[in-house]
Amino acid sequence: MQSLIRDFTRNEIMEGKMGEEEREDDDDIEANHGQISRFRGIIPGGNEMEMAKLLEEAAHYIVSLQIQVEALSCLAQELCQF
């Protein structure tokens, strides 16, 4: 009888822990969805893309931004020399 009570209590504890883990997983998923939504908003046309295409476009977008920064830096240096 005592072993039955112990097993029952152990199962309840495990179910409670699993419930907490599931809630944490749900919170993580919601947080990730929020981050992905913000990320999609940064990339031009990102809201219409699948994740693989979004990541590819993000890489191209970063390179494009780096080139623009370099070009503007060169232009600013030339303008400041006058």
C-alpha atoms as a PDB file:
ATOM      1  CA  MET A   1       0.000   0.000   0.000  1.00  0.00           C
ATOM      2  CA  GLN A   2       2.784   2.433   0.899  1.00  0.00           C
ATOM      3  CA  SER A   3       4.620   1.699  -2.347  1.00  0.00           C
ATOM      4  CA  LEU A   4       1.400   2.434  -4.250  1.00  0.00           C
ATOM      5  CA  ILE A   5       1.099   5.776  -2.452  1.00  0.00           C
ATOM      6  CA  ARG A   6       4.796   6.515  -3.124  1.00  0.00           C
ATOM      7  CA  ASP A   7       4.371   5.703  -6.830  1.00  0.00           C
ATOM      8  CA  PHE A   8       1.235   7.811  -7.037  1.00  0.00           C
ATOM      9  CA  THR A   9       2.980  10.752  -5.343  1.00  0.00           C
ATOM     10  CA  ARG A  10       6.064  10.343  -7.547  1.00  0.00           C
ATOM     11  CA  ASN A  11       3.864  10.360 -10.667  1.00  0.00           C
ATOM     12  CA  GLU A  12       2.048  13.481  -9.515  1.00  0.00           C
ATOM     13  CA  ILE A  13       5.382  15.221  -8.935  1.00  0.00           C
ATOM     14  CA  MET A  14       6.660  14.207 -12.349  1.00  0.00           C
ATOM     15  CA  GLU A  15       3.449  15.374 -14.024  1.00  0.00           C
ATOM     16  CA  GLY A  16       3.737  18.690 -12.210  1.00  0.00           C
ATOM     17  CA  LYS A  17       7.337  19.130 -13.319  1.00  0.00           C
ATOM     18  CA  MET A  18       6.502  18.228 -16.877  1.00  0.00           C
ATOM     19  CA  GLY A  19       3.688  20.753 -16.808  1.00  0.00           C
ATOM     20  CA  GLU A  20       6.122  23.454 -15.708  1.00  0.00           C
ATOM     21  CA  GLU A  21       8.571  22.480 -18.453  1.00  0.00           C
ATOM     22  CA  GLU A  22       5.809  22.605 -21.050  1.00  0.00           C
ATOM     23  CA  ARG A  23       4.804  26.077 -19.846  1.00  0.00           C
ATOM     24  CA  GLU A  24       8.436  27.227 -20.080  1.00  0.00           C
ATOM     25  CA  ASP A  25       8.654  25.758 -23.589  1.00  0.00           C
ATOM     26  CA  ASP A  26       5.468  27.621 -24.549  1.00  0.00           C
ATOM     27  CA  ASP A  27       6.944  30.855 -23.182  1.00  0.00           C
ATOM     28  CA  ASP A  28      10.144  30.259 -25.167  1.00  0.00           C
ATOM     29  CA  ILE A  29       8.143  29.594 -28.325  1.00  0.00           C
ATOM     30  CA  GLU A  30       6.133  32.797 -27.854  1.00  0.00           C
ATOM     31  CA  ALA A  31       9.330  34.781 -27.245  1.00  0.00           C
ATOM     32  CA  ASN A  32      10.891  33.278 -30.373  1.00  0.00           C
ATOM     33  CA  HIS A  33       7.828  34.140 -32.449  1.00  0.00           C
ATOM     34  CA  GLY A  34       8.093  37.736 -31.234  1.00  0.00           C
ATOM     35  CA  GLN A  35      11.777  37.904 -32.115  1.00  0.00           C
ATOM     36  CA  ILE A  36      11.163  36.375 -35.533  1.00  0.00           C
ATOM     37  CA  SER A  37       8.367  38.871 -36.206  1.00  0.00           C
ATOM     38  CA  ARG A  38      10.665  41.785 -35.358  1.00  0.00           C
ATOM     39  CA  PHE A  39      13.426  40.241 -37.487  1.00  0.00           C
ATOM     40  CA  ARG A  40      11.016  39.886 -40.427  1.00  0.00           C
ATOM     41  CA  GLY A  41      10.155  43.571 -40.044  1.00  0.00           C
ATOM     42  CA  ILE A  42      13.789  44.620 -40.391  1.00  0.00           C
ATOM     43  CA  ILE A  43      14.454  42.738 -43.635  1.00  0.00           C
ATOM     44  CA  PRO A  44      12.790  44.314 -46.697  1.00  0.00           C
ATOM     45  CA  GLY A  45      10.008  41.955 -47.821  1.00  0.00           C
ATOM     46  CA  GLY A  46      10.704  39.682 -44.837  1.00  0.00           C
ATOM     47  CA  ASN A  47       7.064  39.303 -43.858  1.00  0.00           C
ATOM     48  CA  GLU A  48       6.343  37.321 -47.032  1.00  0.00           C
ATOM     49  CA  MET A  49       9.391  35.005 -46.889  1.00  0.00           C
ATOM     50  CA  GLU A  50       9.889  31.528 -45.520  1.00  0.00           C
ATOM     51  CA  MET A  51      12.571  31.209 -42.847  1.00  0.00           C
ATOM     52  CA  ALA A  52      15.345  29.812 -45.098  1.00  0.00           C
ATOM     53  CA  LYS A  53      14.854  32.603 -47.655  1.00  0.00           C
ATOM     54  CA  LEU A  54      14.605  35.165 -44.850  1.00  0.00           C
ATOM     55  CA  LEU A  55      17.998  34.140 -43.447  1.00  0.00           C
ATOM     56  CA  GLU A  56      19.557  34.205 -46.910  1.00  0.00           C
ATOM     57  CA  GLU A  57      18.159  37.665 -47.587  1.00  0.00           C
ATOM     58  CA  ALA A  58      19.311  38.847 -44.157  1.00  0.00           C
ATOM     59  CA  ALA A  59      22.877  37.841 -45.010  1.00  0.00           C
ATOM     60  CA  HIS A  60      22.689  39.735 -48.315  1.00  0.00           C
ATOM     61  CA  TYR A  61      21.098  42.718 -46.584  1.00  0.00           C
ATOM     62  CA  ILE A  62      23.904  42.872 -43.999  1.00  0.00           C
ATOM     63  CA  VAL A  63      26.554  42.834 -46.735  1.00  0.00           C
ATOM     64  CA  SER A  64      24.657  45.570 -48.583  1.00  0.00           C
ATOM     65  CA  LEU A  65      24.500  47.717 -45.457  1.00  0.00           C
ATOM     66  CA  GLN A  66      28.229  47.222 -44.830  1.00  0.00           C
ATOM     67  CA  ILE A  67      29.024  48.380 -48.388  1.00  0.00           C
ATOM     68  CA  GLN A  68      26.809  51.432 -47.950  1.00  0.00           C
ATOM     69  CA  VAL A  69      28.554  52.329 -44.683  1.00  0.00           C
ATOM     70  CA  GLU A  70      31.962  52.029 -46.349  1.00  0.00           C
ATOM     71  CA  ALA A  71      30.840  54.169 -49.303  1.00  0.00           C
ATOM     72  CA  LEU A  72      29.391  56.864 -47.046  1.00  0.00           C
ATOM     73  CA  SER A  73      32.521  56.835 -44.886  1.00  0.00           C
ATOM     74  CA  CYS A  74      34.698  57.409 -47.973  1.00  0.00           C
ATOM     75  CA  LEU A  75      32.398  60.184 -49.138  1.00  0.00           C
ATOM     76  CA  ALA A  76      32.439  61.830 -45.723  1.00  0.00           C
ATOM     77  CA  GLN A  77      36.254  61.709 -45.620  1.00  0.00           C
ATOM     78  CA  GLU A  78      36.466  63.360 -49.050  1.00  0.00           C
ATOM     79  CA  LEU A  79      33.996  66.077 -48.072  1.00  0.00           C
ATOM     80  CA  CYS A  80      35.776  66.778 -44.804  1.00  0.00           C
ATOM     81  CA  GLN A  81      39.094  67.409 -46.562  1.00  0.00           C
ATOM     82  CA  PHE A  82      37.813  70.622 -48.151  1.00  0.00           C
END
